[in-house]
Amino acid sequence: MSSYTLFIGNNCLGCKQILDKLKKLNINITVVNIHDENPNLPFPLMIVPALIKDDRLIAYGIDIVKYLKTNYY
C-alpha cells in the first residue's frame, strides 16, 4: 500500500484541482485536510496542496500530479 499522503486545506482551489486530476488518473492516496485534522509532521507545512511520503515533502501544487504520474504505479 502507498505511503503517500496529500495534505489539503479548506477553500483551496489548487487542492480541488489536484484531487480532481488524481481521481481521473485513478490514483488513490490518503488525503488529510489540515484545517479539520491536526497533522503530526516533523516539519511545518507552509502551503497546500502538499504531497508527503514517509515524512518527507515530495511536491507542492501541480508538481504533485507530475510526480505521481511517474512514480505512483
N, C-alpha and C. Protein backbone atom coordinates (compact mmCIF):
# COMPACT_ATOMS: atom_id res chain seq x y z
N MET A 1 0.83 -1.19 0.00
CA MET A 1 0.00 0.00 0.00
C MET A 1 0.87 1.25 0.00
N SER A 2 0.38 2.28 -0.60
CA SER A 2 1.11 3.53 -0.73
C SER A 2 1.27 4.23 0.61
N SER A 3 2.42 4.86 0.79
CA SER A 3 2.64 5.65 2.00
C SER A 3 2.56 7.15 1.68
N TYR A 4 1.96 7.48 0.55
CA TYR A 4 1.77 8.88 0.18
C TYR A 4 0.60 9.47 0.94
N THR A 5 0.74 10.75 1.33
CA THR A 5 -0.35 11.50 1.93
C THR A 5 -0.41 12.85 1.25
N LEU A 6 -1.61 13.23 0.83
CA LEU A 6 -1.84 14.54 0.24
C LEU A 6 -2.47 15.43 1.29
N PHE A 7 -1.82 16.53 1.59
CA PHE A 7 -2.34 17.49 2.55
C PHE A 7 -3.03 18.62 1.79
N ILE A 8 -4.28 18.87 2.17
CA ILE A 8 -5.09 19.90 1.53
C ILE A 8 -5.62 20.85 2.59
N GLY A 9 -6.30 21.90 2.15
CA GLY A 9 -6.90 22.85 3.07
C GLY A 9 -8.28 23.28 2.60
N ASN A 10 -9.03 23.93 3.47
CA ASN A 10 -10.35 24.46 3.13
C ASN A 10 -10.20 25.60 2.12
N ASN A 11 -11.20 25.74 1.26
CA ASN A 11 -11.25 26.85 0.30
C ASN A 11 -9.98 26.96 -0.54
N CYS A 12 -9.44 25.83 -0.93
CA CYS A 12 -8.19 25.78 -1.69
C CYS A 12 -8.49 25.28 -3.10
N LEU A 13 -8.50 26.19 -4.06
CA LEU A 13 -8.80 25.82 -5.44
C LEU A 13 -7.76 24.84 -5.99
N GLY A 14 -6.49 25.08 -5.70
CA GLY A 14 -5.44 24.17 -6.16
C GLY A 14 -5.62 22.76 -5.61
N CYS A 15 -6.08 22.68 -4.36
CA CYS A 15 -6.32 21.37 -3.74
C CYS A 15 -7.42 20.62 -4.49
N LYS A 16 -8.51 21.32 -4.79
CA LYS A 16 -9.62 20.70 -5.51
C LYS A 16 -9.16 20.23 -6.89
N GLN A 17 -8.37 21.05 -7.56
CA GLN A 17 -7.87 20.68 -8.89
C GLN A 17 -7.00 19.43 -8.83
N ILE A 18 -6.14 19.35 -7.84
CA ILE A 18 -5.28 18.17 -7.68
C ILE A 18 -6.12 16.94 -7.39
N LEU A 19 -7.09 17.06 -6.49
CA LEU A 19 -7.97 15.93 -6.17
C LEU A 19 -8.71 15.45 -7.41
N ASP A 20 -9.23 16.38 -8.22
CA ASP A 20 -9.93 16.01 -9.45
C ASP A 20 -9.01 15.28 -10.42
N LYS A 21 -7.78 15.77 -10.58
CA LYS A 21 -6.83 15.13 -11.50
C LYS A 21 -6.44 13.73 -11.02
N LEU A 22 -6.23 13.59 -9.72
CA LEU A 22 -5.87 12.27 -9.18
C LEU A 22 -7.01 11.29 -9.35
N LYS A 23 -8.24 11.76 -9.18
CA LYS A 23 -9.40 10.89 -9.38
C LYS A 23 -9.47 10.41 -10.83
N LYS A 24 -9.27 11.32 -11.77
CA LYS A 24 -9.30 10.96 -13.20
C LYS A 24 -8.20 9.96 -13.55
N LEU A 25 -7.07 10.07 -12.87
CA LEU A 25 -5.94 9.16 -13.12
C LEU A 25 -6.04 7.87 -12.30
N ASN A 26 -7.10 7.75 -11.50
CA ASN A 26 -7.31 6.59 -10.63
C ASN A 26 -6.13 6.39 -9.67
N ILE A 27 -5.63 7.49 -9.14
CA ILE A 27 -4.56 7.46 -8.14
C ILE A 27 -5.21 7.66 -6.78
N ASN A 28 -5.13 6.65 -5.93
CA ASN A 28 -5.78 6.69 -4.62
C ASN A 28 -4.73 6.79 -3.53
N ILE A 29 -4.71 7.93 -2.85
CA ILE A 29 -3.78 8.13 -1.74
C ILE A 29 -4.55 8.72 -0.56
N THR A 30 -3.94 8.67 0.59
CA THR A 30 -4.53 9.24 1.79
C THR A 30 -4.59 10.76 1.65
N VAL A 31 -5.72 11.35 2.04
CA VAL A 31 -5.89 12.80 1.98
C VAL A 31 -6.18 13.30 3.39
N VAL A 32 -5.47 14.35 3.80
CA VAL A 32 -5.65 14.95 5.13
C VAL A 32 -5.91 16.44 4.95
N ASN A 33 -7.03 16.90 5.50
CA ASN A 33 -7.33 18.33 5.49
C ASN A 33 -6.71 18.94 6.74
N ILE A 34 -5.75 19.84 6.55
CA ILE A 34 -5.02 20.41 7.70
C ILE A 34 -5.90 21.29 8.57
N HIS A 35 -7.06 21.72 8.05
CA HIS A 35 -7.97 22.54 8.84
C HIS A 35 -8.92 21.69 9.68
N ASP A 36 -9.12 20.44 9.29
CA ASP A 36 -10.02 19.54 10.02
C ASP A 36 -9.27 18.59 10.94
N GLU A 37 -8.02 18.33 10.63
CA GLU A 37 -7.21 17.40 11.41
C GLU A 37 -5.92 18.11 11.83
N ASN A 38 -5.26 17.58 12.81
CA ASN A 38 -4.01 18.15 13.28
C ASN A 38 -2.87 17.21 12.88
N PRO A 39 -2.31 17.43 11.67
CA PRO A 39 -1.28 16.50 11.21
C PRO A 39 -0.03 16.57 12.07
N ASN A 40 0.51 15.42 12.35
CA ASN A 40 1.73 15.32 13.15
C ASN A 40 2.90 15.09 12.21
N LEU A 41 3.49 16.19 11.74
CA LEU A 41 4.61 16.10 10.80
C LEU A 41 5.88 16.58 11.48
N PRO A 42 7.03 16.09 11.03
CA PRO A 42 8.30 16.51 11.63
C PRO A 42 8.77 17.89 11.14
N PHE A 43 7.93 18.57 10.36
CA PHE A 43 8.27 19.89 9.83
C PHE A 43 6.98 20.69 9.64
N PRO A 44 7.06 22.02 9.64
CA PRO A 44 5.85 22.82 9.42
C PRO A 44 5.43 22.77 7.95
N LEU A 45 4.15 22.70 7.73
CA LEU A 45 3.61 22.68 6.38
C LEU A 45 3.17 24.10 6.04
N MET A 46 3.84 24.74 5.09
CA MET A 46 3.62 26.15 4.79
C MET A 46 2.59 26.41 3.70
N ILE A 47 2.35 25.42 2.83
CA ILE A 47 1.46 25.63 1.70
C ILE A 47 0.78 24.31 1.36
N VAL A 48 -0.44 24.39 0.86
CA VAL A 48 -1.16 23.22 0.38
C VAL A 48 -1.62 23.49 -1.05
N PRO A 49 -1.81 22.48 -1.85
CA PRO A 49 -1.64 21.07 -1.55
C PRO A 49 -0.16 20.68 -1.47
N ALA A 50 0.10 19.70 -0.64
CA ALA A 50 1.46 19.20 -0.46
C ALA A 50 1.43 17.68 -0.40
N LEU A 51 2.36 17.05 -1.08
CA LEU A 51 2.47 15.59 -1.09
C LEU A 51 3.63 15.18 -0.19
N ILE A 52 3.32 14.29 0.74
CA ILE A 52 4.31 13.79 1.69
C ILE A 52 4.42 12.27 1.52
N LYS A 53 5.63 11.76 1.62
CA LYS A 53 5.84 10.31 1.62
C LYS A 53 6.88 10.00 2.68
N ASP A 54 6.53 9.11 3.59
CA ASP A 54 7.46 8.69 4.65
C ASP A 54 8.05 9.90 5.38
N ASP A 55 7.18 10.85 5.75
CA ASP A 55 7.58 12.06 6.48
C ASP A 55 8.55 12.95 5.72
N ARG A 56 8.53 12.86 4.39
CA ARG A 56 9.36 13.72 3.54
C ARG A 56 8.47 14.48 2.57
N LEU A 57 8.72 15.75 2.41
CA LEU A 57 7.99 16.55 1.43
C LEU A 57 8.45 16.14 0.03
N ILE A 58 7.50 15.75 -0.80
CA ILE A 58 7.81 15.29 -2.15
C ILE A 58 7.51 16.37 -3.19
N ALA A 59 6.33 17.02 -3.09
CA ALA A 59 5.95 18.01 -4.10
C ALA A 59 4.84 18.91 -3.59
N TYR A 60 4.75 20.09 -4.20
CA TYR A 60 3.67 21.04 -3.97
C TYR A 60 2.90 21.26 -5.28
N GLY A 61 1.65 21.66 -5.16
CA GLY A 61 0.87 22.11 -6.32
C GLY A 61 0.82 21.11 -7.46
N ILE A 62 0.85 21.62 -8.69
CA ILE A 62 0.71 20.78 -9.87
C ILE A 62 1.85 19.78 -10.01
N ASP A 63 2.97 20.04 -9.38
CA ASP A 63 4.08 19.08 -9.40
C ASP A 63 3.68 17.75 -8.76
N ILE A 64 2.65 17.77 -7.92
CA ILE A 64 2.16 16.54 -7.30
C ILE A 64 1.69 15.56 -8.37
N VAL A 65 0.89 16.05 -9.31
CA VAL A 65 0.37 15.19 -10.38
C VAL A 65 1.52 14.67 -11.24
N LYS A 66 2.44 15.54 -11.62
CA LYS A 66 3.59 15.12 -12.42
C LYS A 66 4.38 14.02 -11.71
N TYR A 67 4.61 14.21 -10.43
CA TYR A 67 5.38 13.23 -9.66
C TYR A 67 4.64 11.89 -9.59
N LEU A 68 3.36 11.92 -9.25
CA LEU A 68 2.62 10.67 -9.08
C LEU A 68 2.41 9.94 -10.41
N LYS A 69 2.26 10.67 -11.51
CA LYS A 69 2.12 10.01 -12.81
C LYS A 69 3.36 9.18 -13.13
N THR A 70 4.49 9.62 -12.65
CA THR A 70 5.76 8.93 -12.91
C THR A 70 6.08 7.88 -11.86
N ASN A 71 5.74 8.13 -10.61
CA ASN A 71 6.24 7.31 -9.50
C ASN A 71 5.20 6.49 -8.75
N TYR A 72 3.92 6.67 -9.01
CA TYR A 72 2.89 6.01 -8.20
C TYR A 72 2.77 4.53 -8.49
N TYR A 73 2.76 4.15 -9.75
CA TYR A 73 2.48 2.75 -10.12
C TYR A 73 3.69 1.87 -10.08
